[in-house]
Amino acid sequence: MRRFASLRRQSDFIRLRRRGRRASTPHLTLYRSDPLPGDVTSRVGISVNKSIGKAVVRNTVRRRLAAIVHDALAGRQPMRLLVVPLPAAADADFDVLRADFAAALARV
């Protein structure tokens, strides 16, 4: 079972992009904000656009990032995250993505 719930509404994605703290790495951009009063668990959105590649590549990147986020949120306080991979993420190994995510999360 995942340690986070998904962001579903477009307004949540927009709010995180505008008001969240941002950190960028060569493979992804991470937006973070504090949870809203009703949030019991972390809420995460992964936004993979078509510049990453075709559908198979985009879904592979999304699944890898979901696994990385699941592991990274173990034992952490609830938060809201938006993960936006960059085109370089399509060719990156899992360990490289994990290191980039950890570095970005430490900065925000």
N, C-alpha and C. Protein backbone atom coordinates (compact mmCIF):
# COMPACT_ATOMS: atom_id res chain seq x y z
N MET A 1 0.84 -1.19 0.00
CA MET A 1 0.00 0.00 0.00
C MET A 1 0.88 1.25 0.00
N ARG A 2 0.49 2.24 -0.77
CA ARG A 2 1.27 3.46 -0.88
C ARG A 2 1.17 4.29 0.40
N ARG A 3 2.23 5.04 0.68
CA ARG A 3 2.28 5.88 1.86
C ARG A 3 1.73 7.28 1.58
N PHE A 4 1.12 7.46 0.42
CA PHE A 4 0.61 8.78 0.07
C PHE A 4 -0.67 8.65 -0.72
N ALA A 5 -1.43 9.73 -0.72
CA ALA A 5 -2.63 9.83 -1.55
C ALA A 5 -2.28 10.72 -2.73
N SER A 6 -2.98 10.56 -3.82
CA SER A 6 -2.69 11.33 -5.03
C SER A 6 -3.41 12.67 -5.03
N LEU A 7 -2.74 13.66 -5.57
CA LEU A 7 -3.40 14.93 -5.86
C LEU A 7 -4.26 14.72 -7.09
N ARG A 8 -5.49 15.13 -7.06
CA ARG A 8 -6.40 14.86 -8.16
C ARG A 8 -6.87 16.12 -8.88
N ARG A 9 -7.06 17.19 -8.13
CA ARG A 9 -7.65 18.39 -8.71
C ARG A 9 -6.60 19.29 -9.33
N GLN A 10 -6.94 19.89 -10.43
CA GLN A 10 -6.03 20.81 -11.11
C GLN A 10 -5.68 21.99 -10.22
N SER A 11 -6.62 22.41 -9.38
CA SER A 11 -6.36 23.54 -8.49
C SER A 11 -5.25 23.22 -7.49
N ASP A 12 -5.14 21.96 -7.07
CA ASP A 12 -4.06 21.56 -6.17
C ASP A 12 -2.70 21.63 -6.87
N PHE A 13 -2.65 21.19 -8.12
CA PHE A 13 -1.41 21.28 -8.89
C PHE A 13 -1.00 22.74 -9.08
N ILE A 14 -1.96 23.59 -9.43
CA ILE A 14 -1.68 25.01 -9.66
C ILE A 14 -1.21 25.68 -8.37
N ARG A 15 -1.86 25.37 -7.25
CA ARG A 15 -1.49 25.95 -5.96
C ARG A 15 -0.05 25.58 -5.61
N LEU A 16 0.33 24.32 -5.82
CA LEU A 16 1.69 23.91 -5.51
C LEU A 16 2.71 24.60 -6.41
N ARG A 17 2.39 24.73 -7.68
CA ARG A 17 3.33 25.40 -8.60
C ARG A 17 3.52 26.86 -8.23
N ARG A 18 2.46 27.52 -7.79
CA ARG A 18 2.55 28.95 -7.49
C ARG A 18 3.10 29.24 -6.10
N ARG A 19 2.68 28.48 -5.11
CA ARG A 19 3.01 28.81 -3.73
C ARG A 19 3.99 27.86 -3.06
N GLY A 20 4.26 26.73 -3.67
CA GLY A 20 5.16 25.76 -3.05
C GLY A 20 6.62 26.14 -3.18
N ARG A 21 7.43 25.61 -2.28
CA ARG A 21 8.87 25.79 -2.38
C ARG A 21 9.38 24.86 -3.47
N ARG A 22 10.34 25.34 -4.28
CA ARG A 22 10.77 24.60 -5.45
C ARG A 22 12.25 24.27 -5.36
N ALA A 23 12.58 23.07 -5.82
CA ALA A 23 13.98 22.67 -5.96
C ALA A 23 14.10 21.90 -7.27
N SER A 24 15.16 22.20 -8.02
CA SER A 24 15.37 21.53 -9.30
C SER A 24 16.68 20.77 -9.29
N THR A 25 16.69 19.66 -10.00
CA THR A 25 17.87 18.85 -10.21
C THR A 25 17.95 18.59 -11.72
N PRO A 26 18.99 17.94 -12.19
CA PRO A 26 19.07 17.69 -13.64
C PRO A 26 17.94 16.82 -14.20
N HIS A 27 17.27 16.04 -13.33
CA HIS A 27 16.26 15.11 -13.83
C HIS A 27 14.83 15.44 -13.40
N LEU A 28 14.65 16.32 -12.42
CA LEU A 28 13.28 16.61 -11.97
C LEU A 28 13.22 17.94 -11.25
N THR A 29 11.99 18.43 -11.14
CA THR A 29 11.68 19.61 -10.34
C THR A 29 10.66 19.19 -9.30
N LEU A 30 10.88 19.62 -8.07
CA LEU A 30 10.03 19.22 -6.95
C LEU A 30 9.43 20.46 -6.31
N TYR A 31 8.12 20.46 -6.11
CA TYR A 31 7.42 21.52 -5.41
C TYR A 31 6.87 20.94 -4.12
N ARG A 32 7.07 21.64 -2.99
CA ARG A 32 6.61 21.13 -1.71
C ARG A 32 5.88 22.23 -0.95
N SER A 33 4.83 21.84 -0.24
CA SER A 33 4.14 22.77 0.65
C SER A 33 3.67 21.99 1.88
N ASP A 34 3.29 22.74 2.88
CA ASP A 34 2.78 22.13 4.10
C ASP A 34 1.39 21.54 3.82
N PRO A 35 0.98 20.55 4.61
CA PRO A 35 -0.35 19.96 4.36
C PRO A 35 -1.47 20.93 4.73
N LEU A 36 -2.60 20.74 4.10
CA LEU A 36 -3.79 21.51 4.46
C LEU A 36 -4.38 20.89 5.72
N PRO A 37 -5.25 21.60 6.43
CA PRO A 37 -5.77 21.09 7.70
C PRO A 37 -6.42 19.70 7.64
N GLY A 38 -7.01 19.31 6.52
CA GLY A 38 -7.68 18.02 6.44
C GLY A 38 -6.79 16.86 6.02
N ASP A 39 -5.53 17.12 5.72
CA ASP A 39 -4.63 16.07 5.22
C ASP A 39 -4.12 15.20 6.37
N VAL A 40 -4.40 13.91 6.27
CA VAL A 40 -3.92 12.95 7.27
C VAL A 40 -2.60 12.34 6.79
N THR A 41 -2.50 12.08 5.49
CA THR A 41 -1.28 11.53 4.90
C THR A 41 -0.74 12.53 3.88
N SER A 42 0.42 12.25 3.37
CA SER A 42 1.00 13.09 2.33
C SER A 42 0.18 12.98 1.05
N ARG A 43 0.13 14.07 0.31
CA ARG A 43 -0.57 14.09 -0.98
C ARG A 43 0.47 14.41 -2.04
N VAL A 44 0.54 13.57 -3.07
CA VAL A 44 1.59 13.66 -4.07
C VAL A 44 0.97 13.66 -5.47
N GLY A 45 1.50 14.53 -6.32
CA GLY A 45 1.14 14.55 -7.72
C GLY A 45 2.40 14.36 -8.56
N ILE A 46 2.31 13.55 -9.59
CA ILE A 46 3.42 13.34 -10.51
C ILE A 46 2.93 13.76 -11.88
N SER A 47 3.54 14.81 -12.42
CA SER A 47 3.09 15.38 -13.69
C SER A 47 4.14 15.10 -14.76
N VAL A 48 3.86 14.14 -15.63
CA VAL A 48 4.80 13.74 -16.68
C VAL A 48 4.22 14.21 -18.01
N ASN A 49 4.90 15.17 -18.66
CA ASN A 49 4.35 15.68 -19.91
C ASN A 49 4.96 14.98 -21.12
N LYS A 50 4.48 15.31 -22.30
CA LYS A 50 4.87 14.59 -23.51
C LYS A 50 6.30 14.84 -23.96
N SER A 51 6.97 15.81 -23.37
CA SER A 51 8.36 16.04 -23.74
C SER A 51 9.28 14.93 -23.23
N ILE A 52 8.78 14.12 -22.31
CA ILE A 52 9.54 12.99 -21.76
C ILE A 52 9.69 11.89 -22.82
N GLY A 53 8.64 11.65 -23.57
CA GLY A 53 8.68 10.60 -24.58
C GLY A 53 7.28 10.06 -24.85
N LYS A 54 7.23 8.90 -25.48
CA LYS A 54 5.95 8.27 -25.78
C LYS A 54 5.34 7.70 -24.51
N ALA A 55 4.13 7.16 -24.60
CA ALA A 55 3.37 6.74 -23.43
C ALA A 55 4.09 5.70 -22.59
N VAL A 56 4.76 4.75 -23.22
CA VAL A 56 5.45 3.71 -22.48
C VAL A 56 6.57 4.31 -21.63
N VAL A 57 7.29 5.24 -22.18
CA VAL A 57 8.38 5.90 -21.44
C VAL A 57 7.82 6.76 -20.32
N ARG A 58 6.76 7.52 -20.60
CA ARG A 58 6.16 8.36 -19.57
C ARG A 58 5.64 7.53 -18.41
N ASN A 59 4.99 6.42 -18.69
CA ASN A 59 4.48 5.57 -17.62
C ASN A 59 5.60 4.92 -16.83
N THR A 60 6.69 4.55 -17.49
CA THR A 60 7.83 3.98 -16.78
C THR A 60 8.42 5.00 -15.81
N VAL A 61 8.59 6.23 -16.27
CA VAL A 61 9.11 7.29 -15.41
C VAL A 61 8.16 7.54 -14.25
N ARG A 62 6.86 7.58 -14.52
CA ARG A 62 5.88 7.82 -13.46
C ARG A 62 5.91 6.72 -12.41
N ARG A 63 5.99 5.46 -12.84
CA ARG A 63 6.03 4.34 -11.89
C ARG A 63 7.31 4.37 -11.06
N ARG A 64 8.43 4.69 -11.69
CA ARG A 64 9.68 4.78 -10.94
C ARG A 64 9.60 5.88 -9.88
N LEU A 65 9.08 7.03 -10.26
CA LEU A 65 8.96 8.13 -9.31
C LEU A 65 7.99 7.81 -8.19
N ALA A 66 6.90 7.11 -8.50
CA ALA A 66 5.96 6.73 -7.45
C ALA A 66 6.62 5.80 -6.43
N ALA A 67 7.45 4.87 -6.89
CA ALA A 67 8.16 3.97 -5.97
C ALA A 67 9.17 4.74 -5.13
N ILE A 68 9.86 5.69 -5.74
CA ILE A 68 10.84 6.49 -5.01
C ILE A 68 10.15 7.34 -3.94
N VAL A 69 9.03 7.96 -4.29
CA VAL A 69 8.30 8.79 -3.34
C VAL A 69 7.77 7.92 -2.20
N HIS A 70 7.27 6.75 -2.51
CA HIS A 70 6.76 5.83 -1.49
C HIS A 70 7.84 5.52 -0.46
N ASP A 71 9.04 5.21 -0.91
CA ASP A 71 10.14 4.90 0.00
C ASP A 71 10.60 6.13 0.77
N ALA A 72 10.62 7.29 0.12
CA ALA A 72 11.14 8.50 0.74
C ALA A 72 10.21 9.06 1.82
N LEU A 73 8.92 8.80 1.72
CA LEU A 73 7.98 9.36 2.68
C LEU A 73 7.82 8.51 3.94
N ALA A 74 8.50 7.39 4.02
CA ALA A 74 8.41 6.54 5.21
C ALA A 74 8.93 7.30 6.43
N GLY A 75 8.09 7.42 7.44
CA GLY A 75 8.49 8.07 8.68
C GLY A 75 8.53 9.58 8.64
N ARG A 76 8.02 10.20 7.60
CA ARG A 76 8.01 11.66 7.50
C ARG A 76 6.64 12.20 7.86
N GLN A 77 6.63 13.47 8.21
CA GLN A 77 5.39 14.18 8.48
C GLN A 77 4.63 14.38 7.16
N PRO A 78 3.31 14.48 7.21
CA PRO A 78 2.53 14.71 5.98
C PRO A 78 2.96 16.02 5.30
N MET A 79 2.91 16.01 3.98
CA MET A 79 3.25 17.17 3.17
C MET A 79 2.54 17.04 1.84
N ARG A 80 2.60 18.08 1.05
CA ARG A 80 2.09 18.05 -0.32
C ARG A 80 3.27 18.21 -1.26
N LEU A 81 3.36 17.31 -2.23
CA LEU A 81 4.47 17.31 -3.18
C LEU A 81 3.94 17.27 -4.61
N LEU A 82 4.66 17.94 -5.48
CA LEU A 82 4.42 17.82 -6.92
C LEU A 82 5.77 17.52 -7.55
N VAL A 83 5.86 16.39 -8.24
CA VAL A 83 7.09 15.96 -8.88
C VAL A 83 6.90 16.11 -10.39
N VAL A 84 7.80 16.88 -11.01
CA VAL A 84 7.74 17.12 -12.45
C VAL A 84 9.06 16.65 -13.05
N PRO A 85 9.09 15.48 -13.70
CA PRO A 85 10.34 15.02 -14.30
C PRO A 85 10.68 15.82 -15.55
N LEU A 86 11.96 15.98 -15.79
CA LEU A 86 12.47 16.66 -16.97
C LEU A 86 12.81 15.62 -18.03
N PRO A 87 13.00 16.01 -19.29
CA PRO A 87 13.26 15.03 -20.35
C PRO A 87 14.46 14.11 -20.06
N ALA A 88 15.44 14.56 -19.31
CA ALA A 88 16.60 13.72 -18.98
C ALA A 88 16.21 12.53 -18.10
N ALA A 89 15.06 12.59 -17.44
CA ALA A 89 14.63 11.50 -16.56
C ALA A 89 14.31 10.23 -17.34
N ALA A 90 13.99 10.36 -18.61
CA ALA A 90 13.65 9.18 -19.41
C ALA A 90 14.83 8.24 -19.56
N ASP A 91 16.05 8.77 -19.58
CA ASP A 91 17.25 7.96 -19.76
C ASP A 91 17.97 7.67 -18.45
N ALA A 92 17.49 8.20 -17.35
CA ALA A 92 18.18 8.05 -16.07
C ALA A 92 17.87 6.71 -15.42
N ASP A 93 18.86 6.17 -14.71
CA ASP A 93 18.67 4.94 -13.95
C ASP A 93 17.84 5.23 -12.70
N PHE A 94 17.31 4.18 -12.11
CA PHE A 94 16.50 4.30 -10.90
C PHE A 94 17.30 4.94 -9.77
N ASP A 95 18.53 4.51 -9.59
CA ASP A 95 19.36 5.05 -8.51
C ASP A 95 19.66 6.53 -8.70
N VAL A 96 19.84 6.96 -9.93
CA VAL A 96 20.09 8.37 -10.21
C VAL A 96 18.84 9.18 -9.89
N LEU A 97 17.67 8.70 -10.28
CA LEU A 97 16.42 9.39 -9.96
C LEU A 97 16.22 9.47 -8.45
N ARG A 98 16.52 8.38 -7.75
CA ARG A 98 16.36 8.37 -6.30
C ARG A 98 17.28 9.39 -5.64
N ALA A 99 18.52 9.47 -6.10
CA ALA A 99 19.47 10.44 -5.53
C ALA A 99 19.02 11.88 -5.82
N ASP A 100 18.54 12.13 -7.03
CA ASP A 100 18.05 13.46 -7.38
C ASP A 100 16.82 13.84 -6.54
N PHE A 101 15.93 12.88 -6.34
CA PHE A 101 14.74 13.17 -5.53
C PHE A 101 15.14 13.47 -4.09
N ALA A 102 16.04 12.68 -3.53
CA ALA A 102 16.49 12.90 -2.16
C ALA A 102 17.16 14.27 -2.01
N ALA A 103 17.97 14.65 -2.99
CA ALA A 103 18.64 15.95 -2.95
C ALA A 103 17.62 17.09 -3.02
N ALA A 104 16.64 16.95 -3.90
CA ALA A 104 15.61 18.01 -4.04
C ALA A 104 14.76 18.09 -2.78
N LEU A 105 14.40 16.95 -2.21
CA LEU A 105 13.57 16.95 -1.00
C LEU A 105 14.32 17.56 0.17
N ALA A 106 15.61 17.35 0.24
CA ALA A 106 16.39 17.94 1.33
C ALA A 106 16.47 19.46 1.20
N ARG A 107 16.41 19.98 -0.02
CA ARG A 107 16.50 21.43 -0.24
C ARG A 107 15.20 22.14 -0.01
N VAL A 108 14.07 21.46 -0.14
CA VAL A 108 12.79 22.13 0.07
C VAL A 108 12.30 21.79 1.44
